[in-house]
């Protein structure tokens, strides 16, 4: 008889776990997936493309309904899990249904942080995190709509790009001195800023948002230096917070996220957490690939194999404002490291490799990310690069051909 396994969360991490389990232990578990959003799991990476009108929402689905059904997965979406009774081993849903479990996985993801400033509750002050947000922004934004996007990280830039492409007049405001400071060094960030501005987006750096101005709906956004920008719509994309409250209420250890060990296990046996809601060795990853790696490890363990998760190399591989960008590891370069740089402003290409002890420990690629996965593998494995060091920055094909 199949063992009941309940997964709370119907996002990318949950979908990947089900896929990995289907490959390794099909039929071993009676899987039920609980999702608060009223739809099948979708690819959040494509949200800006949906906002821009480049991709229809229907094409973002990770798996069709038949895929889940054919693998014996029961989907309970549109009704969030509200409580978990660890002692009795059941989950209660918002619609009153109760599901029993032998094993439980939290894959609850994260939610957008709202700015704690005056006017955040005004109409037209929205976040950009899920498909419902895209629908709200799309219905509020029209060609010529004046939009202020607060946040110059990945989500903020994607929102700004999507809105600008849809015809809105966009101002992008960021607290820090450069865009995507967690993923890019100063030179790559400057190149990205110029690319964003080339799309007709005004960029304001070193700017602290202090107030959303308006009576019932937002009319302007005000900053700490006294400046004010008129706005018909404000989109806030200043970060995410793990959805860990349900785990804490159930009695699990929670810091920023639900605490897990190298087996992805929480402080209670047979209860696990993966993805953005999980905190491993003090780190909550907000990227897709770590969630995929965690899903693979947990699937292996649930299949009876003794494997462990030792953490992930932070890596970002994306297309922002039509430009390919990649970064991984210590891309800034800690004290004692060396950097190899190749740049061609005319072609809009920038490559930086950070070397420490004869190994690649970090990289930033802008404009051409063809060799991103090769560099990432070198970082992950700590492979010696002595034989290809002189040619490394020119890419894998050139370096390996020269070394042959």
Protein backbone atom coordinates (compact mmCIF):
# COMPACT_ATOMS: atom_id res chain seq x y z
CA UNK A 1 0.00 0.00 0.00
CA UNK A 2 1.32 3.44 -0.96
CA UNK A 3 2.49 5.65 1.87
CA UNK A 4 0.62 8.99 2.10
CA UNK A 5 2.92 11.91 1.28
CA UNK A 6 1.53 15.45 1.45
CA UNK A 7 3.33 18.41 -0.15
CA UNK A 8 2.20 21.85 1.02
CA UNK A 9 2.83 24.22 -1.86
CA UNK A 10 2.12 23.96 -5.56
CA UNK A 11 5.01 25.92 -7.03
CA UNK A 12 8.19 25.09 -8.88
CA UNK A 13 9.84 23.25 -5.97
CA UNK A 14 6.82 20.99 -5.44
CA UNK A 15 6.53 20.25 -9.15
CA UNK A 16 10.21 19.36 -9.36
CA UNK A 17 9.95 17.07 -6.33
CA UNK A 18 7.01 15.22 -7.89
CA UNK A 19 8.94 14.86 -11.14
CA UNK A 20 12.01 13.51 -9.36
CA UNK A 21 9.91 11.09 -7.30
CA UNK A 22 8.12 9.84 -10.41
CA UNK A 23 11.51 8.93 -11.90
CA UNK A 24 12.76 7.16 -8.78
CA UNK A 25 9.84 5.82 -6.75
CA UNK A 26 6.70 5.82 -8.88
CA UNK A 27 3.85 4.27 -6.90
CA UNK A 28 5.72 4.17 -3.60
CA UNK A 29 3.81 7.20 -2.28
CA UNK A 30 0.24 8.38 -2.54
CA UNK A 31 1.09 12.03 -3.18
CA UNK A 32 -1.23 14.94 -2.51
CA UNK A 33 -0.13 18.46 -3.46
CA UNK A 34 -1.82 21.41 -1.76
CA UNK A 35 -1.73 24.83 -3.42
CA UNK A 36 -3.23 28.16 -2.38
CA UNK A 37 -3.20 29.59 -5.91
CA UNK A 38 -6.22 28.56 -8.00
CA UNK A 39 -4.23 26.99 -10.85
CA UNK A 40 -1.65 24.42 -11.82
CA UNK A 41 2.00 25.02 -10.99
CA UNK A 42 3.62 27.53 -13.36
CA UNK A 43 7.03 28.94 -14.22
CA UNK A 44 7.50 32.16 -12.23
CA UNK A 45 10.55 33.04 -14.31
CA UNK A 46 8.16 33.89 -17.16
CA UNK A 47 6.06 36.40 -15.20
CA UNK A 48 7.72 39.44 -16.79
CA UNK A 49 7.17 37.90 -20.25
CA UNK A 50 3.48 37.50 -19.45
CA UNK A 51 3.35 41.09 -18.20
CA UNK A 52 5.02 42.30 -21.40
CA UNK A 53 2.56 40.34 -23.53
CA UNK A 54 5.29 38.16 -25.02
CA UNK A 55 4.01 34.89 -23.52
CA UNK A 56 0.41 33.89 -22.76
CA UNK A 57 -0.25 32.75 -19.19
CA UNK A 58 -1.28 29.32 -20.49
CA UNK A 59 2.27 28.67 -21.72
CA UNK A 60 3.78 29.10 -18.26
CA UNK A 61 2.34 25.83 -16.89
CA UNK A 62 5.08 23.46 -15.77
CA UNK A 63 3.02 20.32 -16.35
CA UNK A 64 -0.42 19.73 -17.88
CA UNK A 65 -3.19 18.29 -15.70
CA UNK A 66 -2.80 14.90 -17.38
CA UNK A 67 0.85 14.67 -16.26
CA UNK A 68 -0.11 14.88 -12.59
CA UNK A 69 -3.02 12.46 -13.05
CA UNK A 70 -0.95 9.88 -14.91
CA UNK A 71 1.55 9.81 -12.04
CA UNK A 72 -1.08 9.35 -9.40
CA UNK A 73 -0.67 12.82 -7.87
CA UNK A 74 -3.79 14.32 -6.29
CA UNK A 75 -3.91 18.11 -6.70
CA UNK A 76 -5.73 20.25 -4.15
CA UNK A 77 -5.20 23.76 -5.44
CA UNK A 78 -7.20 26.88 -4.67
CA UNK A 79 -7.39 25.99 -0.98
CA UNK A 80 -4.42 26.83 1.23
CA UNK A 81 -3.21 24.64 4.08
CA UNK A 82 -4.13 26.44 7.30
CA UNK A 83 -2.84 24.17 10.07
CA UNK A 84 -0.63 21.13 10.52
CA UNK A 85 -1.21 18.77 13.43
CA UNK A 86 2.10 16.95 13.81
CA UNK A 87 0.93 14.63 16.59
CA UNK A 88 -2.21 13.51 14.74
CA UNK A 89 -0.45 13.67 11.35
CA UNK A 90 -2.99 15.61 9.33
CA UNK A 91 -3.20 18.89 7.44
CA UNK A 92 -6.31 21.07 7.49
CA UNK A 93 -7.19 23.14 4.40
CA UNK A 94 -8.97 26.47 4.16
CA UNK A 95 -12.07 24.75 2.79
CA UNK A 96 -12.27 22.48 5.84
CA UNK A 97 -10.90 19.32 4.26
CA UNK A 98 -8.34 17.30 6.16
CA UNK A 99 -5.53 15.21 4.68
CA UNK A 100 -3.60 12.63 6.65
CA UNK A 101 0.09 12.04 6.03
CA UNK A 102 2.92 9.71 6.92
CA UNK A 103 5.46 12.09 5.43
CA UNK A 104 5.05 15.83 4.89
CA UNK A 105 7.01 18.32 2.77
CA UNK A 106 6.78 22.09 3.14
CA UNK A 107 7.35 23.76 -0.24
CA UNK A 108 5.42 26.91 0.59
CA UNK A 109 7.76 29.31 -1.18
CA UNK A 110 7.88 32.97 -0.27
CA UNK A 111 5.90 36.17 -0.62
CA UNK A 112 6.69 39.73 -1.62
CA UNK A 113 7.75 42.16 1.08
CA UNK A 114 5.63 45.31 1.29
CA UNK A 115 7.38 48.57 2.14
CA UNK A 116 6.63 49.70 5.72
CA UNK A 117 5.95 53.31 4.68
CA UNK A 118 2.94 55.58 4.65
CA UNK A 119 0.51 54.92 1.79
CA UNK A 120 1.47 51.29 1.17
CA UNK A 121 -2.20 50.33 1.50
CA UNK A 122 -3.39 52.79 -1.16
CA UNK A 123 -5.09 51.50 -4.27
CA UNK A 124 -2.63 51.04 -7.10
CA UNK A 125 0.29 50.07 -4.85
CA UNK A 126 0.95 46.52 -5.96
CA UNK A 127 3.59 43.81 -5.65
CA UNK A 128 5.11 41.63 -8.38
CA UNK A 129 5.47 38.05 -7.30
CA UNK A 130 2.81 35.74 -8.75
CA UNK A 131 0.28 35.38 -11.55
CA UNK A 132 -2.38 37.23 -9.56
CA UNK A 133 0.00 40.19 -9.27
CA UNK A 134 0.56 40.11 -13.04
CA UNK A 135 -3.20 40.18 -13.61
CA UNK A 136 -3.62 43.11 -11.21
CA UNK A 137 -0.77 45.09 -12.78
CA UNK A 138 -1.95 44.36 -16.32
CA UNK A 139 -5.49 45.52 -15.56
CA UNK A 140 -4.21 48.75 -13.97
CA UNK A 141 -1.53 49.61 -16.54
CA UNK A 142 -2.34 51.00 -19.94
CA UNK A 143 -0.23 52.56 -22.68
CA UNK A 144 1.01 55.84 -21.26
CA UNK A 145 0.31 54.87 -17.64
CA UNK A 146 2.88 56.43 -15.29
CA UNK A 147 4.39 53.66 -13.21
CA UNK A 148 7.01 53.79 -10.46
CA UNK A 149 8.72 50.46 -9.78
CA UNK A 150 10.43 50.36 -6.38
CA UNK A 151 13.32 47.88 -6.28
CA UNK A 152 16.25 47.41 -8.63
CA UNK A 153 16.77 43.71 -8.07
CA UNK A 154 15.78 40.95 -10.46
CA UNK A 155 12.01 41.18 -9.94
CA UNK A 156 11.96 44.98 -10.06
CA UNK A 157 13.90 45.13 -13.32
CA UNK A 158 11.71 42.42 -14.83
CA UNK A 159 8.55 44.30 -13.80
CA UNK A 160 9.91 47.56 -15.21
CA UNK A 161 10.87 45.90 -18.47
CA UNK A 162 7.53 44.17 -18.85
CA UNK A 163 5.60 47.37 -18.17
CA UNK A 164 7.75 49.46 -20.50
CA UNK A 165 7.33 46.94 -23.30
CA UNK A 166 3.57 47.07 -22.75
CA UNK A 167 3.69 50.84 -23.27
CA UNK A 168 3.80 52.27 -19.76
CA UNK A 169 6.02 55.21 -18.80
CA UNK A 170 8.27 53.66 -16.16
CA UNK A 171 10.56 55.03 -13.47
CA UNK A 172 12.70 52.42 -11.68
CA UNK A 173 13.80 53.42 -8.16
CA UNK A 174 16.51 51.61 -6.23
CA UNK A 175 17.91 52.08 -2.74
CA UNK A 176 21.45 50.98 -3.62
CA UNK A 177 24.17 52.51 -5.82
CA UNK A 178 23.77 49.94 -8.58
CA UNK A 179 21.16 47.59 -10.00
CA UNK A 180 21.17 43.92 -8.95
CA UNK A 181 23.97 44.50 -6.44
CA UNK A 182 23.57 40.95 -5.13
CA UNK A 183 24.30 39.46 -8.54
CA UNK A 184 26.49 41.96 -10.41
CA UNK A 185 29.69 43.89 -9.85
CA UNK A 186 29.88 47.62 -10.56
CA UNK A 187 30.89 47.37 -14.23
CA UNK A 188 28.24 44.82 -15.19
CA UNK A 189 25.62 46.76 -13.24
CA UNK A 190 26.50 49.96 -15.12
CA UNK A 191 26.14 48.15 -18.44
CA UNK A 192 22.76 46.82 -17.30
CA UNK A 193 21.63 50.30 -16.23
CA UNK A 194 22.42 51.64 -19.69
CA UNK A 195 20.52 48.76 -21.30
CA UNK A 196 17.50 49.40 -19.05
CA UNK A 197 17.58 53.12 -19.87
CA UNK A 198 17.77 52.29 -23.57
CA UNK A 199 14.33 50.72 -23.17
CA UNK A 200 12.97 54.13 -22.15
CA UNK A 201 13.00 53.39 -18.41
CA UNK A 202 14.18 56.17 -16.09
CA UNK A 203 16.53 54.79 -13.41
CA UNK A 204 16.96 56.48 -10.02
CA UNK A 205 19.74 55.00 -7.83
CA UNK A 206 20.63 55.80 -4.19
CA UNK A 207 16.99 56.71 -3.72
CA UNK A 208 15.02 55.89 -0.58
CA UNK A 209 11.24 55.62 -0.94
CA UNK A 210 9.53 57.22 2.07
CA UNK A 211 5.86 57.62 1.11
CA UNK A 212 3.16 56.75 -1.39
CA UNK A 213 1.03 59.86 -1.84
CA UNK A 214 -2.71 59.89 -2.51
CA UNK A 215 -6.20 59.90 -1.02
CA UNK A 216 -7.64 56.52 -2.00
CA UNK A 217 -5.31 55.63 -4.86
CA UNK A 218 -1.63 56.37 -5.35
CA UNK A 219 -0.90 59.64 -7.11
CA UNK A 220 2.83 60.02 -6.51
CA UNK A 221 5.85 58.44 -4.83
CA UNK A 222 7.97 60.54 -2.47
CA UNK A 223 11.63 60.06 -1.59
CA UNK A 224 13.90 60.93 1.34
CA UNK A 225 15.57 63.81 -0.51
CA UNK A 226 12.20 65.50 -1.02
CA UNK A 227 11.78 64.57 -4.67
CA UNK A 228 8.42 63.29 -5.85
CA UNK A 229 7.46 61.35 -8.98
CA UNK A 230 3.88 61.35 -10.24
CA UNK A 231 2.44 57.86 -10.54
CA UNK A 232 -0.81 56.22 -11.60
CA UNK A 233 0.55 52.89 -10.37
CA UNK A 234 3.36 51.78 -8.05
CA UNK A 235 4.88 48.31 -8.16
CA UNK A 236 6.92 47.24 -5.14
CA UNK A 237 9.61 44.57 -5.66
CA UNK A 238 12.00 45.00 -2.74
CA UNK A 239 12.49 41.40 -1.70
CA UNK A 240 10.80 38.24 -0.50
CA UNK A 241 10.01 36.60 2.82
CA UNK A 242 9.76 32.81 3.30
CA UNK A 243 6.27 31.46 3.97
CA UNK A 244 7.29 29.74 7.20
CA UNK A 245 4.49 30.72 9.57
CA UNK A 246 2.54 27.49 9.15
CA UNK A 247 5.67 25.53 10.06
CA UNK A 248 6.28 27.67 13.13
CA UNK A 249 2.66 27.26 14.25
CA UNK A 250 3.08 23.49 13.97
CA UNK A 251 6.03 23.61 16.36
CA UNK A 252 8.92 23.30 13.91
CA UNK A 253 12.13 25.28 14.34
CA UNK A 254 11.94 28.46 12.29
CA UNK A 255 14.44 31.31 11.97
CA UNK A 256 14.01 33.21 8.74
CA UNK A 257 12.78 30.00 7.11
CA UNK A 258 11.89 26.49 8.24
CA UNK A 259 15.15 25.04 9.55
CA UNK A 260 16.36 21.87 7.83
CA UNK A 261 19.49 19.72 8.11
CA UNK A 262 21.60 18.14 5.38
CA UNK A 263 18.81 15.60 4.80
CA UNK A 264 16.30 18.43 4.23
CA UNK A 265 14.59 17.21 7.40
CA UNK A 266 13.02 19.60 9.88
CA UNK A 267 13.27 19.17 13.63
CA UNK A 268 10.52 16.54 13.41
CA UNK A 269 11.03 13.12 11.80
CA UNK A 270 9.41 12.54 8.39
CA UNK A 271 8.69 16.25 7.94
CA UNK A 272 10.82 18.10 5.39
CA UNK A 273 11.14 21.50 3.72
CA UNK A 274 12.58 22.56 0.35
CA UNK A 275 12.76 25.67 -1.77
CA UNK A 276 12.38 29.27 -0.70
CA UNK A 277 10.67 28.43 2.59
CA UNK A 278 13.59 26.29 3.79
CA UNK A 279 16.61 27.51 5.73
CA UNK A 280 19.69 25.31 5.39
CA UNK A 281 22.87 26.11 7.32
CA UNK A 282 21.52 29.59 7.96
CA UNK A 283 20.75 30.29 4.28
CA UNK A 284 17.39 30.79 2.58
CA UNK A 285 17.87 30.52 -1.18
CA UNK A 286 15.60 32.68 -3.30
CA UNK A 287 16.54 31.11 -6.62
CA UNK A 288 15.21 28.24 -8.70
CA UNK A 289 18.30 26.04 -9.02
CA UNK A 290 18.87 25.52 -5.27
CA UNK A 291 15.22 24.44 -4.99
CA UNK A 292 15.77 21.98 -7.84
CA UNK A 293 18.89 20.60 -6.14
CA UNK A 294 17.01 20.21 -2.88
CA UNK A 295 14.15 18.45 -4.66
CA UNK A 296 16.60 15.98 -6.23
CA UNK A 297 18.24 15.19 -2.89
CA UNK A 298 14.94 14.79 -1.07
CA UNK A 299 13.58 12.54 -3.82
CA UNK A 300 16.67 10.37 -3.49
CA UNK A 301 16.19 10.14 0.28
CA UNK A 302 12.48 9.38 -0.04
CA UNK A 303 13.48 6.64 -2.48
CA UNK A 304 15.66 5.04 0.19
CA UNK A 305 19.08 6.33 -0.83
CA UNK A 306 21.49 7.81 1.70
CA UNK A 307 22.43 11.16 0.15
CA UNK A 308 22.91 14.60 1.63
CA UNK A 309 22.54 18.23 0.63
CA UNK A 310 25.57 20.36 1.44
CA UNK A 311 24.28 23.65 0.06
CA UNK A 312 24.22 25.37 -3.31
CA UNK A 313 26.45 27.82 -5.14
CA UNK A 314 24.44 30.99 -5.58
CA UNK A 315 24.03 31.39 -9.32
CA UNK A 316 21.75 33.61 -11.36
CA UNK A 317 21.16 32.94 -15.05
CA UNK A 318 18.59 35.19 -16.63
CA UNK A 319 17.60 37.47 -19.42
CA UNK A 320 16.95 41.01 -18.21
CA UNK A 321 15.77 43.76 -20.53
CA UNK A 322 16.78 41.63 -23.50
CA UNK A 323 20.32 41.12 -22.17
CA UNK A 324 21.71 37.80 -20.97
CA UNK A 325 23.27 38.00 -17.51
CA UNK A 326 24.92 35.35 -15.35
CA UNK A 327 26.73 35.40 -12.03
CA UNK A 328 27.87 32.76 -9.58
CA UNK A 329 29.95 32.34 -6.46
CA UNK A 330 32.27 35.07 -5.18
CA UNK A 331 31.81 37.35 -8.19
CA UNK A 332 33.06 40.44 -6.33
CA UNK A 333 36.35 38.81 -5.35
CA UNK A 334 37.38 38.53 -1.71
CA UNK A 335 40.74 39.73 -0.45
CA UNK A 336 43.57 37.65 -1.87
CA UNK A 337 41.72 36.59 -5.02
CA UNK A 338 42.63 37.55 -8.58
CA UNK A 339 40.33 38.61 -11.40
CA UNK A 340 40.57 37.96 -15.13
CA UNK A 341 38.46 40.39 -17.16
CA UNK A 342 37.45 40.51 -20.82
CA UNK A 343 35.30 43.39 -22.00
CA UNK A 344 34.07 44.63 -25.37
CA UNK A 345 31.80 47.68 -24.92
CA UNK A 346 31.05 47.77 -28.63
CA UNK A 347 29.53 44.31 -28.54
CA UNK A 348 28.11 44.78 -25.05
CA UNK A 349 30.13 41.88 -23.64
CA UNK A 350 31.77 41.66 -20.22
CA UNK A 351 33.36 38.62 -18.61
CA UNK A 352 34.96 38.46 -15.19
CA UNK A 353 36.43 35.34 -13.59
CA UNK A 354 37.57 35.37 -9.97
CA UNK A 355 40.46 33.00 -9.22
CA UNK A 356 41.63 31.75 -5.84
CA UNK A 357 44.29 29.08 -5.30
CA UNK A 358 44.27 27.93 -8.91
CA UNK A 359 40.46 27.50 -9.01
CA UNK A 360 37.55 29.57 -10.29
CA UNK A 361 35.51 30.79 -7.32
CA UNK A 362 33.22 33.32 -8.99
CA UNK A 363 32.13 34.82 -12.28
CA UNK A 364 30.05 37.56 -13.86
CA UNK A 365 28.99 37.33 -17.49
CA UNK A 366 27.12 40.09 -19.30
CA UNK A 367 25.87 39.93 -22.87
CA UNK A 368 27.24 36.46 -23.69
CA UNK A 369 26.47 33.64 -21.25
CA UNK A 370 27.32 30.75 -23.58
CA UNK A 371 29.89 29.32 -21.18
CA UNK A 372 27.93 29.97 -17.97
CA UNK A 373 27.31 26.33 -17.11
CA UNK A 374 30.97 25.44 -17.70
CA UNK A 375 32.17 28.17 -15.37
CA UNK A 376 29.54 27.16 -12.81
CA UNK A 377 30.76 23.56 -12.92
CA UNK A 378 34.35 24.73 -12.38
CA UNK A 379 33.19 26.70 -9.35
CA UNK A 380 31.17 23.82 -7.92
CA UNK A 381 33.87 21.18 -8.38
CA UNK A 382 36.87 23.33 -7.52
CA UNK A 383 38.67 21.91 -10.53
CA UNK A 384 42.25 23.05 -11.14
CA UNK A 385 42.54 25.44 -14.09
CA UNK A 386 46.33 25.71 -14.43
CA UNK A 387 46.37 24.10 -17.88
CA UNK A 388 43.75 26.49 -19.33
CA UNK A 389 44.16 29.60 -17.21
CA UNK A 390 45.52 31.83 -19.99
CA UNK A 391 42.61 30.97 -22.28
CA UNK A 392 39.86 30.50 -19.70
CA UNK A 393 38.17 33.84 -20.22
CA UNK A 394 37.73 33.17 -23.95
CA UNK A 395 35.36 30.27 -23.30
CA UNK A 396 35.35 26.50 -23.12
CA UNK A 397 35.72 25.65 -26.80
CA UNK A 398 38.75 27.89 -27.25
CA UNK A 399 40.40 26.90 -23.95
CA UNK A 400 39.98 23.14 -24.47
CA UNK A 401 41.10 23.32 -28.09
CA UNK A 402 44.26 25.15 -27.06
CA UNK A 403 44.90 22.68 -24.25
CA UNK A 404 44.54 19.63 -26.51
